[in-house]
């Protein structure tokens, strides 16, 4: 009895192993397939497994109920649908230059159908004649001998004709790009009217915040008053600064966003100043040393021109800047009458820490590379004179040009 028990147990393990093998072989054989169904020319519907890799080739390859590999033709499959949300229909397109008979992907279905076939787009109204939406490119040489290039945008005229009886206000046809998403939206508005418009309103852009770290390089124009008991003179000059910062972006629509953050710049400088000869008896020299830490907070509204992998933008706003300045060291040297009659002295000049406000204009772009988004822009700042309290004081930051490189999270 014990031996027979062991034999039964071994047989049970063998049967389980064979079942697992058959199931895994079946699963492996269906890899790359998705559930769907086909419709025959007689409108019979059959559940099948459709091969996904053949969809972009506009072919219908499927496994039937017996797991037999089949290829759809005009005689066997009129249309087919895939659970991933794509559908295809057998279409015959004929024009004077060529004839196409193949499975076209159905992008929009309704009074006007929109089809796609290998990057080409087609429309059909009331199940009538099929027309291709074309945007041909024209190259040539003008009367001045210069090469030119333009897109003829023939699809605009065709769409105006087909949509001329629309009962709902559709977007301006002239401004439509030749893209699947734009054309799908317009044709669905024509087909579905207010129902689809309400659906679009529910899918309006959701505001979002983005944070980032930045490195900045700037060329700033400063004015300094030289502290002297005898002379009042100033120095106007440009200085190169570098710094770091953080940025915060709040995008409240597909095109508009508010840009703010915090920036820190540091400048350590020394200015040598030579005064002119006075009655040919005296020469005066100054060496002015100081360092500055500038803290800035911008508030800028940007307009983003598209939502592609590279998103150019332009913005306008203002910027608040607080400067922290140490007491300056001023070394004054004089030669009154001769090279032997020479004296010098050093004194400290106390500076107030001024607050400056600027109009700010910026141009830039936000490229996306892989999973990372970057922020590249140039800013020009010009003082808002009516708000700046330090214009007639010892220190004044007049304007500046900044280059900013950032990584967004």
Protein backbone atom coordinates (compact mmCIF):
# COMPACT_ATOMS: atom_id res chain seq x y z
CA UNK A 1 0.00 0.00 0.00
CA UNK A 2 2.80 2.38 0.78
CA UNK A 3 4.43 1.80 -2.61
CA UNK A 4 1.17 2.42 -4.44
CA UNK A 5 0.70 5.65 -2.44
CA UNK A 6 4.10 6.89 -3.57
CA UNK A 7 3.27 6.07 -7.18
CA UNK A 8 0.00 7.99 -6.99
CA UNK A 9 1.81 10.96 -5.49
CA UNK A 10 4.40 10.91 -8.24
CA UNK A 11 1.68 10.74 -10.87
CA UNK A 12 -0.08 13.71 -9.27
CA UNK A 13 3.12 15.80 -9.36
CA UNK A 14 3.67 14.87 -13.02
CA UNK A 15 0.14 15.93 -13.99
CA UNK A 16 0.53 19.28 -12.19
CA UNK A 17 3.85 19.86 -13.92
CA UNK A 18 2.32 19.17 -17.34
CA UNK A 19 -0.59 21.51 -16.65
CA UNK A 20 1.76 24.30 -15.59
CA UNK A 21 3.85 23.71 -18.70
CA UNK A 22 0.83 23.92 -20.97
CA UNK A 23 -0.45 27.08 -19.27
CA UNK A 24 2.93 28.79 -19.45
CA UNK A 25 3.31 27.78 -23.12
CA UNK A 26 -0.12 29.22 -23.85
CA UNK A 27 0.71 32.43 -21.99
CA UNK A 28 4.05 32.75 -23.79
CA UNK A 29 2.36 32.18 -27.12
CA UNK A 30 -0.05 35.08 -26.39
CA UNK A 31 2.68 37.50 -25.32
CA UNK A 32 2.34 40.75 -27.25
CA UNK A 33 -1.39 40.22 -27.85
CA UNK A 34 -4.31 42.13 -26.36
CA UNK A 35 -7.98 41.31 -26.02
CA UNK A 36 -10.28 42.68 -28.70
CA UNK A 37 -12.87 41.72 -31.25
CA UNK A 38 -13.30 41.64 -34.99
CA UNK A 39 -16.39 42.41 -37.08
CA UNK A 40 -16.95 40.49 -40.27
CA UNK A 41 -18.48 41.93 -43.48
CA UNK A 42 -21.78 40.33 -42.36
CA UNK A 43 -21.51 42.19 -39.00
CA UNK A 44 -20.71 39.09 -36.93
CA UNK A 45 -18.62 39.91 -33.84
CA UNK A 46 -15.91 37.52 -32.58
CA UNK A 47 -13.72 37.85 -29.48
CA UNK A 48 -10.03 37.41 -30.37
CA UNK A 49 -6.49 38.25 -29.25
CA UNK A 50 -4.98 40.96 -31.47
CA UNK A 51 -1.24 41.34 -32.02
CA UNK A 52 -0.21 44.82 -30.88
CA UNK A 53 3.04 45.07 -32.83
CA UNK A 54 1.12 44.95 -36.12
CA UNK A 55 -1.18 47.87 -35.34
CA UNK A 56 1.30 50.55 -36.39
CA UNK A 57 1.67 48.68 -39.68
CA UNK A 58 -2.11 48.96 -40.14
CA UNK A 59 -2.48 45.18 -40.26
CA UNK A 60 -4.93 42.88 -38.50
CA UNK A 61 -3.13 39.85 -37.04
CA UNK A 62 -4.99 37.91 -34.37
CA UNK A 63 -5.43 34.58 -32.55
CA UNK A 64 -8.85 32.99 -32.93
CA UNK A 65 -10.62 30.86 -30.29
CA UNK A 66 -8.40 27.86 -31.16
CA UNK A 67 -5.25 30.03 -30.83
CA UNK A 68 -4.66 29.83 -34.55
CA UNK A 69 -2.73 32.75 -36.00
CA UNK A 70 -4.86 34.62 -38.59
CA UNK A 71 -4.46 37.65 -40.83
CA UNK A 72 -7.49 39.82 -41.47
CA UNK A 73 -8.47 40.69 -45.04
CA UNK A 74 -11.29 42.59 -46.71
CA UNK A 75 -13.25 39.33 -47.09
CA UNK A 76 -12.93 38.28 -43.42
CA UNK A 77 -12.60 41.42 -41.25
CA UNK A 78 -14.44 44.68 -41.89
CA UNK A 79 -13.17 46.39 -38.72
CA UNK A 80 -11.56 45.46 -35.43
CA UNK A 81 -11.21 46.92 -31.95
CA UNK A 82 -8.48 46.53 -29.33
CA UNK A 83 -8.93 46.81 -25.56
CA UNK A 84 -6.13 49.39 -25.39
CA UNK A 85 -8.59 51.87 -26.91
CA UNK A 86 -7.78 51.72 -30.62
CA UNK A 87 -10.04 50.77 -33.51
CA UNK A 88 -9.44 50.14 -37.22
CA UNK A 89 -11.61 49.96 -40.31
CA UNK A 90 -10.91 48.53 -43.75
CA UNK A 91 -10.89 51.50 -46.13
CA UNK A 92 -10.36 51.96 -49.84
CA UNK A 93 -8.94 55.37 -50.72
CA UNK A 94 -8.57 56.33 -54.33
CA UNK A 95 -7.27 59.48 -55.96
CA UNK A 96 -5.68 60.23 -59.36
CA UNK A 97 -2.16 59.45 -58.12
CA UNK A 98 -2.65 56.22 -56.13
CA UNK A 99 -5.06 53.80 -54.49
CA UNK A 100 -4.79 52.52 -50.92
CA UNK A 101 -6.71 49.54 -49.54
CA UNK A 102 -5.80 48.90 -45.93
CA UNK A 103 -6.94 49.09 -42.32
CA UNK A 104 -7.08 52.77 -41.33
CA UNK A 105 -7.06 53.69 -37.66
CA UNK A 106 -10.26 55.46 -36.60
CA UNK A 107 -9.35 58.57 -34.61
CA UNK A 108 -12.85 60.10 -34.53
CA UNK A 109 -16.14 58.47 -35.48
CA UNK A 110 -19.35 60.34 -36.18
CA UNK A 111 -20.85 62.57 -38.84
CA UNK A 112 -17.28 63.27 -39.85
CA UNK A 113 -14.79 60.43 -39.49
CA UNK A 114 -11.10 61.09 -39.02
CA UNK A 115 -8.68 58.33 -40.06
CA UNK A 116 -4.95 57.82 -39.79
CA UNK A 117 -2.75 55.72 -42.05
CA UNK A 118 1.04 55.77 -41.53
CA UNK A 119 1.22 59.42 -40.46
CA UNK A 120 -1.27 60.49 -43.16
CA UNK A 121 -4.69 61.84 -42.14
CA UNK A 122 -8.04 61.39 -43.91
CA UNK A 123 -11.60 62.61 -43.39
CA UNK A 124 -14.97 61.27 -44.46
CA UNK A 125 -18.31 63.04 -44.10
CA UNK A 126 -21.63 61.18 -43.89
CA UNK A 127 -19.80 57.94 -44.88
CA UNK A 128 -19.23 59.41 -48.32
CA UNK A 129 -16.04 60.03 -50.24
CA UNK A 130 -12.76 59.92 -48.33
CA UNK A 131 -10.45 62.93 -48.64
CA UNK A 132 -6.85 63.24 -47.51
CA UNK A 133 -5.81 66.16 -45.31
CA UNK A 134 -2.52 67.35 -46.77
CA UNK A 135 0.02 70.00 -45.85
CA UNK A 136 2.53 69.89 -48.68
CA UNK A 137 5.84 71.72 -48.62
CA UNK A 138 6.89 74.00 -51.44
CA UNK A 139 10.52 74.77 -52.24
CA UNK A 140 11.67 77.16 -54.90
CA UNK A 141 13.64 80.22 -55.91
CA UNK A 142 12.02 83.66 -55.93
CA UNK A 143 12.56 86.44 -58.45
CA UNK A 144 15.54 87.73 -56.46
CA UNK A 145 17.30 84.37 -56.71
CA UNK A 146 16.79 83.47 -53.03
CA UNK A 147 15.59 80.02 -51.95
CA UNK A 148 12.28 79.89 -50.17
CA UNK A 149 10.23 77.28 -48.32
CA UNK A 150 6.59 77.33 -47.25
CA UNK A 151 3.80 75.00 -46.22
CA UNK A 152 0.72 75.23 -48.43
CA UNK A 153 -1.79 74.08 -45.71
CA UNK A 154 -4.34 72.65 -48.15
CA UNK A 155 -6.13 70.91 -45.26
CA UNK A 156 -7.43 74.29 -44.00
CA UNK A 157 -9.62 74.87 -47.06
CA UNK A 158 -11.00 71.32 -47.01
CA UNK A 159 -11.91 71.55 -43.32
CA UNK A 160 -13.62 74.92 -43.82
CA UNK A 161 -15.81 73.33 -46.48
CA UNK A 162 -16.63 70.19 -44.47
CA UNK A 163 -17.36 72.09 -41.23
CA UNK A 164 -19.29 74.93 -42.83
CA UNK A 165 -22.64 73.56 -41.55
CA UNK A 166 -21.50 73.25 -37.93
CA UNK A 167 -24.21 73.92 -35.35
CA UNK A 168 -21.64 74.62 -32.63
CA UNK A 169 -18.92 77.26 -32.74
CA UNK A 170 -15.71 75.43 -33.62
CA UNK A 171 -12.17 76.80 -33.10
CA UNK A 172 -10.71 79.04 -35.81
CA UNK A 173 -9.68 76.72 -38.66
CA UNK A 174 -6.95 79.06 -39.91
CA UNK A 175 -5.01 78.65 -36.68
CA UNK A 176 -5.16 74.84 -36.61
CA UNK A 177 -1.87 72.95 -36.68
CA UNK A 178 -1.57 69.79 -38.77
CA UNK A 179 -1.59 67.43 -35.78
CA UNK A 180 -3.76 64.54 -34.70
CA UNK A 181 -4.69 66.11 -31.37
CA UNK A 182 -5.75 69.46 -32.84
CA UNK A 183 -7.79 67.89 -35.64
CA UNK A 184 -9.41 65.35 -33.32
CA UNK A 185 -10.56 68.12 -31.00
CA UNK A 186 -12.13 70.22 -33.78
CA UNK A 187 -13.92 67.30 -35.42
CA UNK A 188 -15.26 66.02 -32.10
CA UNK A 189 -16.63 69.48 -31.33
CA UNK A 190 -18.36 69.40 -34.75
CA UNK A 191 -19.73 65.88 -34.16
CA UNK A 192 -20.72 66.08 -30.49
CA UNK A 193 -21.33 69.79 -29.93
CA UNK A 194 -21.90 71.00 -26.38
CA UNK A 195 -21.46 67.51 -24.93
CA UNK A 196 -17.81 67.38 -25.92
CA UNK A 197 -17.21 71.03 -24.99
CA UNK A 198 -18.41 70.25 -21.45
CA UNK A 199 -16.07 67.27 -21.40
CA UNK A 200 -13.17 69.51 -22.43
CA UNK A 201 -14.05 71.97 -19.67
CA UNK A 202 -13.76 69.17 -17.11
CA UNK A 203 -10.30 68.38 -18.47
CA UNK A 204 -8.99 71.91 -18.16
CA UNK A 205 -5.42 72.33 -17.10
CA UNK A 206 -4.75 71.50 -13.45
CA UNK A 207 -2.47 74.05 -11.75
CA UNK A 208 0.83 72.71 -10.46
CA UNK A 209 3.92 73.81 -8.54
CA UNK A 210 7.51 73.12 -9.56
CA UNK A 211 10.67 73.71 -7.55
CA UNK A 212 14.21 74.08 -8.83
CA UNK A 213 17.80 74.99 -8.04
CA UNK A 214 19.67 77.56 -10.13
CA UNK A 215 23.12 78.87 -10.88
CA UNK A 216 23.31 82.43 -12.15
CA UNK A 217 25.88 84.67 -13.78
CA UNK A 218 25.28 88.39 -14.17
CA UNK A 219 26.81 91.57 -15.51
CA UNK A 220 25.55 94.38 -13.26
CA UNK A 221 25.98 98.11 -13.64
CA UNK A 222 26.73 99.90 -10.33
CA UNK A 223 27.37 103.49 -9.31
CA UNK A 224 29.60 104.38 -6.31
CA UNK A 225 30.25 107.75 -4.70
CA UNK A 226 33.84 108.12 -3.52
CA UNK A 227 33.85 109.29 0.08
CA UNK A 228 36.21 112.25 0.34
CA UNK A 229 36.25 115.36 2.48
CA UNK A 230 37.49 117.50 -0.40
CA UNK A 231 36.01 115.99 -3.56
CA UNK A 232 32.72 114.40 -4.53
CA UNK A 233 33.20 112.02 -7.42
CA UNK A 234 31.49 108.88 -8.64
CA UNK A 235 32.37 105.68 -10.42
CA UNK A 236 30.04 104.00 -12.92
CA UNK A 237 31.03 100.54 -14.02
CA UNK A 238 30.06 96.98 -14.81
CA UNK A 239 30.89 94.03 -12.58
CA UNK A 240 30.66 90.28 -13.18
CA UNK A 241 28.92 88.38 -10.39
CA UNK A 242 27.97 84.77 -9.80
CA UNK A 243 25.48 83.24 -7.44
CA UNK A 244 22.99 80.52 -6.61
CA UNK A 245 19.28 80.45 -6.05
CA UNK A 246 16.04 78.55 -5.83
CA UNK A 247 12.98 78.98 -7.99
CA UNK A 248 9.29 78.29 -7.53
CA UNK A 249 6.93 78.09 -10.51
CA UNK A 250 3.16 78.06 -10.27
CA UNK A 251 1.59 77.13 -13.61
CA UNK A 252 -2.10 78.00 -13.51
CA UNK A 253 -2.90 77.42 -17.21
CA UNK A 254 -1.38 75.69 -20.23
CA UNK A 255 0.35 78.92 -21.24
CA UNK A 256 0.69 81.14 -18.15
CA UNK A 257 2.76 80.70 -15.01
CA UNK A 258 4.06 82.79 -12.11
CA UNK A 259 7.78 82.59 -11.44
CA UNK A 260 9.34 83.53 -8.09
CA UNK A 261 12.17 82.38 -5.89
CA UNK A 262 15.29 83.54 -4.08
CA UNK A 263 18.72 84.46 -5.45
CA UNK A 264 22.07 85.25 -3.79
CA UNK A 265 24.96 87.03 -5.53
CA UNK A 266 28.36 88.01 -4.12
CA UNK A 267 30.83 90.66 -5.27
CA UNK A 268 34.29 91.42 -3.89
CA UNK A 269 35.88 94.35 -5.69
CA UNK A 270 38.56 97.01 -5.70
CA UNK A 271 38.40 100.28 -7.68
CA UNK A 272 41.37 102.49 -8.48
CA UNK A 273 40.49 106.11 -9.29
CA UNK A 274 42.80 108.84 -10.64
CA UNK A 275 41.71 112.46 -10.41
CA UNK A 276 42.83 115.03 -12.96
CA UNK A 277 45.66 117.48 -12.46
CA UNK A 278 44.57 120.54 -10.51
CA UNK A 279 46.51 123.69 -11.50
CA UNK A 280 49.39 121.35 -12.32
CA UNK A 281 50.17 121.21 -8.64
CA UNK A 282 48.19 118.31 -7.29
CA UNK A 283 47.22 114.81 -8.22
CA UNK A 284 44.74 112.70 -6.24
CA UNK A 285 44.31 108.94 -6.28
CA UNK A 286 41.75 106.68 -4.62
CA UNK A 287 41.70 102.95 -4.05
CA UNK A 288 38.21 101.82 -3.04
CA UNK A 289 37.66 98.31 -1.60
CA UNK A 290 34.40 96.68 -0.65
CA UNK A 291 32.23 93.54 -0.95
CA UNK A 292 28.52 93.12 -1.52
CA UNK A 293 26.01 90.36 -0.86
CA UNK A 294 22.81 90.83 -2.90
CA UNK A 295 19.57 89.04 -1.99
CA UNK A 296 16.86 89.15 -4.70
CA UNK A 297 13.25 87.98 -4.93
CA UNK A 298 11.60 88.12 -8.40
CA UNK A 299 7.90 88.03 -9.22
CA UNK A 300 7.43 87.45 -12.96
CA UNK A 301 4.55 86.28 -15.15
CA UNK A 302 5.73 84.04 -18.01
CA UNK A 303 3.92 83.09 -21.20
CA UNK A 304 4.79 79.58 -22.44
CA UNK A 305 4.53 79.22 -26.22
CA UNK A 306 3.94 75.43 -26.38
CA UNK A 307 3.87 72.23 -24.31
CA UNK A 308 6.48 70.23 -26.23
CA UNK A 309 9.81 68.84 -25.04
CA UNK A 310 11.30 72.31 -25.46
CA UNK A 311 8.98 74.99 -24.09
CA UNK A 312 10.09 78.56 -24.95
CA UNK A 313 8.71 81.35 -22.80
CA UNK A 314 8.84 85.12 -22.31
CA UNK A 315 8.04 87.01 -19.15
CA UNK A 316 7.65 90.41 -17.54
CA UNK A 317 7.54 91.49 -13.90
CA UNK A 318 9.58 93.13 -11.20
CA UNK A 319 12.34 92.18 -8.79
CA UNK A 320 13.13 93.21 -5.24
CA UNK A 321 16.80 93.33 -4.20
CA UNK A 322 18.38 93.92 -0.81
CA UNK A 323 22.12 94.68 -0.72
CA UNK A 324 24.28 94.00 2.31
CA UNK A 325 27.49 96.08 2.17
CA UNK A 326 30.39 96.15 4.57
CA UNK A 327 32.06 99.39 5.56
CA UNK A 328 34.26 100.43 2.66
CA UNK A 329 37.99 101.06 2.92
CA UNK A 330 39.14 104.12 0.99
CA UNK A 331 42.87 104.80 0.62
CA UNK A 332 43.53 108.38 -0.54
CA UNK A 333 46.94 109.40 -1.85
CA UNK A 334 48.03 112.91 -2.86
CA UNK A 335 51.09 114.47 -4.46
CA UNK A 336 50.68 118.18 -3.96
CA UNK A 337 53.86 119.72 -5.23
CA UNK A 338 56.50 117.16 -6.02
CA UNK A 339 57.35 113.53 -5.85
CA UNK A 340 59.02 114.10 -2.50
CA UNK A 341 56.05 115.88 -0.97
CA UNK A 342 53.68 112.91 -0.82
CA UNK A 343 51.14 111.82 1.73
CA UNK A 344 48.38 109.24 2.03
CA UNK A 345 45.70 108.32 4.52
CA UNK A 346 43.06 105.65 4.93
CA UNK A 347 39.55 106.01 6.25
CA UNK A 348 36.35 103.97 6.52
CA UNK A 349 33.12 104.91 4.77
CA UNK A 350 29.87 103.70 6.22
CA UNK A 351 27.23 102.51 3.74
CA UNK A 352 23.56 102.11 4.21
CA UNK A 353 22.16 98.79 2.97
CA UNK A 354 19.95 99.93 0.09
CA UNK A 355 16.81 98.33 -1.27
CA UNK A 356 16.32 98.35 -5.04
CA UNK A 357 13.36 97.54 -7.25
CA UNK A 358 13.62 96.61 -10.93
CA UNK A 359 11.47 96.07 -13.96
CA UNK A 360 12.45 92.62 -15.23
CA UNK A 361 12.11 91.11 -18.69
CA UNK A 362 13.12 87.51 -19.40
CA UNK A 363 13.39 85.12 -22.34
CA UNK A 364 14.15 81.44 -22.05
CA UNK A 365 13.14 77.84 -22.52
CA UNK A 366 12.44 74.71 -20.47
CA UNK A 367 13.82 71.61 -22.22
CA UNK A 368 12.94 68.12 -21.00
CA UNK A 369 15.62 65.46 -21.42
CA UNK A 370 14.56 62.01 -20.26
CA UNK A 371 13.01 62.42 -16.81
CA UNK A 372 14.73 65.73 -16.10
CA UNK A 373 13.42 69.22 -16.79
CA UNK A 374 15.74 72.23 -17.04
CA UNK A 375 15.24 75.98 -16.91
CA UNK A 376 17.43 78.22 -19.11
CA UNK A 377 16.78 81.95 -19.35
CA UNK A 378 18.23 85.44 -19.70
CA UNK A 379 16.95 88.34 -17.58
CA UNK A 380 17.40 92.07 -18.04
CA UNK A 381 16.74 94.30 -15.02
CA UNK A 382 16.21 98.07 -15.08
CA UNK A 383 15.69 100.18 -11.99
CA UNK A 384 12.29 101.57 -11.02
CA UNK A 385 13.71 104.98 -10.15
CA UNK A 386 10.67 106.27 -8.32
CA UNK A 387 10.93 103.43 -5.79
CA UNK A 388 14.70 103.33 -5.32
CA UNK A 389 15.75 105.34 -2.30
CA UNK A 390 19.52 105.11 -2.86
CA UNK A 391 19.92 106.86 -6.24
CA UNK A 392 21.60 109.93 -4.71
CA UNK A 393 23.45 107.99 -2.02
CA UNK A 394 26.86 106.34 -1.98
CA UNK A 395 25.74 103.15 -3.70
CA UNK A 396 23.28 102.45 -6.49
CA UNK A 397 22.64 99.35 -8.62
CA UNK A 398 21.30 100.73 -11.91
CA UNK A 399 20.72 97.70 -14.19
CA UNK A 400 21.89 94.19 -14.96
CA UNK A 401 21.82 91.24 -17.34
CA UNK A 402 21.61 87.72 -15.87
CA UNK A 403 22.02 84.24 -17.35
CA UNK A 404 20.30 81.54 -15.28
CA UNK A 405 20.64 77.75 -15.51
CA UNK A 406 18.34 75.60 -13.39
CA UNK A 407 17.22 72.03 -12.72
CA UNK A 408 13.52 71.57 -11.96
CA UNK A 409 12.01 68.90 -9.71
